[in-house]
Amino acid sequence: QVQPVESGGGLVQAGGSLTLSCVAPESIYGITVMAWYRQVPGKQRELVASITSSGSTDYTDSVKGRFTISRDTDNWNTVYLQMNSLKPTDAGLYLCVVESGSRYPSYFWGQGTQVSVSS
């Protein structure tokens, strides 16, 4: 199964920082968007941040000014999510999704990396 691989999650105290990484397989061609979602039990999956192939970024309001999504300058298949000033409400399973193709896009989901924030 073709899927991106996430890493970098862990347990951190409130106010701390983590950097998540997502690496998409080279077999995925024509990547247009890479994004991070957060899944919390009992809640709907939430889009946290996204970045397009042209470098445009977007964030959910709750993380603006604290999180930064970026892509590897040498490898578009790799993106990072720098998370600063973490809050307990930021905790959850962070999933990377890769969108490829423009007219008929395909979506590839990773299995996620867990982020826990202690108060």
Protein backbone atom coordinates (compact mmCIF):
# COMPACT_ATOMS: atom_id res chain seq x y z
CA GLN A 1 0.00 0.00 0.00
CA VAL A 2 1.35 3.37 -1.00
CA GLN A 3 1.23 5.79 1.88
CA PRO A 4 3.24 8.62 3.36
CA VAL A 5 5.18 8.03 6.57
CA GLU A 6 4.90 10.40 9.51
CA SER A 7 7.32 10.80 12.40
CA GLY A 8 8.20 13.21 15.18
CA GLY A 9 5.29 12.84 17.55
CA GLY A 10 5.69 12.41 21.27
CA LEU A 11 4.85 13.72 24.71
CA VAL A 12 5.67 17.34 25.48
CA GLN A 13 4.76 19.78 28.22
CA ALA A 14 2.44 22.67 27.47
CA GLY A 15 4.43 25.50 25.96
CA GLY A 16 6.90 23.12 24.37
CA SER A 17 7.66 22.37 20.74
CA LEU A 18 7.64 19.43 18.36
CA THR A 19 8.48 19.04 14.69
CA LEU A 20 6.59 16.47 12.67
CA SER A 21 7.85 15.08 9.38
CA CYS A 22 5.99 13.48 6.51
CA VAL A 23 7.72 11.66 3.69
CA ALA A 24 5.73 10.65 0.65
CA PRO A 25 6.88 7.67 -1.39
CA GLU A 26 8.66 8.56 -4.61
CA SER A 27 6.09 6.44 -6.41
CA ILE A 28 3.52 9.21 -5.87
CA TYR A 29 3.83 11.54 -8.84
CA GLY A 30 2.34 14.94 -9.46
CA ILE A 31 1.92 15.96 -5.84
CA THR A 32 -0.19 19.09 -5.63
CA VAL A 33 -0.87 19.43 -1.91
CA MET A 34 0.48 17.96 1.31
CA ALA A 35 -1.42 18.52 4.52
CA TRP A 36 -1.67 17.63 8.17
CA TYR A 37 -4.90 16.58 9.84
CA ARG A 38 -5.57 16.00 13.53
CA GLN A 39 -7.77 13.19 14.77
CA VAL A 40 -9.11 13.23 18.31
CA PRO A 41 -11.40 10.43 19.59
CA GLY A 42 -15.03 11.42 19.38
CA LYS A 43 -14.35 14.42 17.15
CA GLN A 44 -14.28 15.00 13.43
CA ARG A 45 -10.93 14.89 11.71
CA GLU A 46 -9.62 18.47 11.44
CA LEU A 47 -7.38 20.05 8.84
CA VAL A 48 -4.48 21.68 10.68
CA ALA A 49 -2.22 22.96 7.92
CA SER A 50 -1.58 22.51 4.22
CA ILE A 51 1.01 23.48 1.64
CA THR A 52 0.70 23.48 -2.13
CA SER A 53 3.28 22.68 -4.76
CA SER A 54 3.72 26.42 -5.28
CA GLY A 55 4.38 26.95 -1.60
CA SER A 56 1.08 28.47 -0.54
CA THR A 57 0.15 27.61 3.01
CA ASP A 58 -3.03 27.55 5.01
CA TYR A 59 -3.76 26.97 8.70
CA THR A 60 -6.73 26.39 10.90
CA ASP A 61 -7.35 29.42 13.11
CA SER A 62 -6.40 27.70 16.37
CA VAL A 63 -2.78 27.14 15.26
CA LYS A 64 -2.06 30.35 13.36
CA GLY A 65 1.06 32.04 14.69
CA ARG A 66 2.19 28.87 16.48
CA PHE A 67 2.50 26.20 13.77
CA THR A 68 4.48 26.40 10.55
CA ILE A 69 4.23 23.99 7.66
CA SER A 70 7.14 23.86 5.26
CA ARG A 71 8.59 21.61 2.62
CA ASP A 72 12.09 20.30 2.16
CA THR A 73 13.91 22.57 -0.27
CA ASP A 74 15.53 19.60 -2.00
CA ASN A 75 12.66 17.15 -1.91
CA TRP A 76 9.05 18.17 -2.42
CA ASN A 77 8.04 14.74 -1.12
CA THR A 78 8.95 15.80 2.42
CA VAL A 79 7.07 18.31 4.54
CA TYR A 80 7.43 19.41 8.13
CA LEU A 81 5.08 20.81 10.73
CA GLN A 82 6.85 22.93 13.31
CA MET A 83 4.61 23.20 16.36
CA ASN A 84 5.45 25.80 19.00
CA SER A 85 3.72 26.92 22.18
CA LEU A 86 1.84 23.65 22.31
CA LYS A 87 -1.41 23.46 24.24
CA PRO A 88 -3.24 20.42 25.60
CA THR A 89 -5.90 21.06 22.95
CA ASP A 90 -3.29 20.44 20.26
CA ALA A 91 -3.01 16.79 21.27
CA GLY A 92 -4.16 14.08 18.91
CA LEU A 93 -3.15 11.75 16.13
CA TYR A 94 -1.56 13.81 13.38
CA LEU A 95 -2.07 12.35 9.94
CA CYS A 96 -0.33 13.39 6.76
CA VAL A 97 -2.26 13.33 3.50
CA VAL A 98 -0.83 13.68 0.03
CA GLU A 99 -2.93 14.87 -2.87
CA SER A 100 -1.68 14.08 -6.36
CA GLY A 101 -3.10 14.90 -9.73
CA SER A 102 -5.11 18.00 -10.54
CA ARG A 103 -8.05 16.95 -12.68
CA TYR A 104 -8.76 13.64 -10.93
CA PRO A 105 -6.83 13.85 -7.67
CA SER A 106 -5.84 10.87 -5.59
CA TYR A 107 -5.33 10.98 -1.85
CA PHE A 108 -2.81 9.01 0.14
CA TRP A 109 -3.09 8.92 3.93
CA GLY A 110 -0.43 7.99 6.41
CA GLN A 111 -1.05 6.09 9.63
CA GLY A 112 -0.28 9.08 11.81
CA THR A 113 1.98 10.10 14.64
CA GLN A 114 0.66 10.72 18.13
CA VAL A 115 1.12 14.08 19.84
CA SER A 116 0.43 14.36 23.55
CA VAL A 117 0.64 17.59 25.53
CA SER A 118 0.68 17.61 29.31
CA SER A 119 -0.62 20.59 31.23
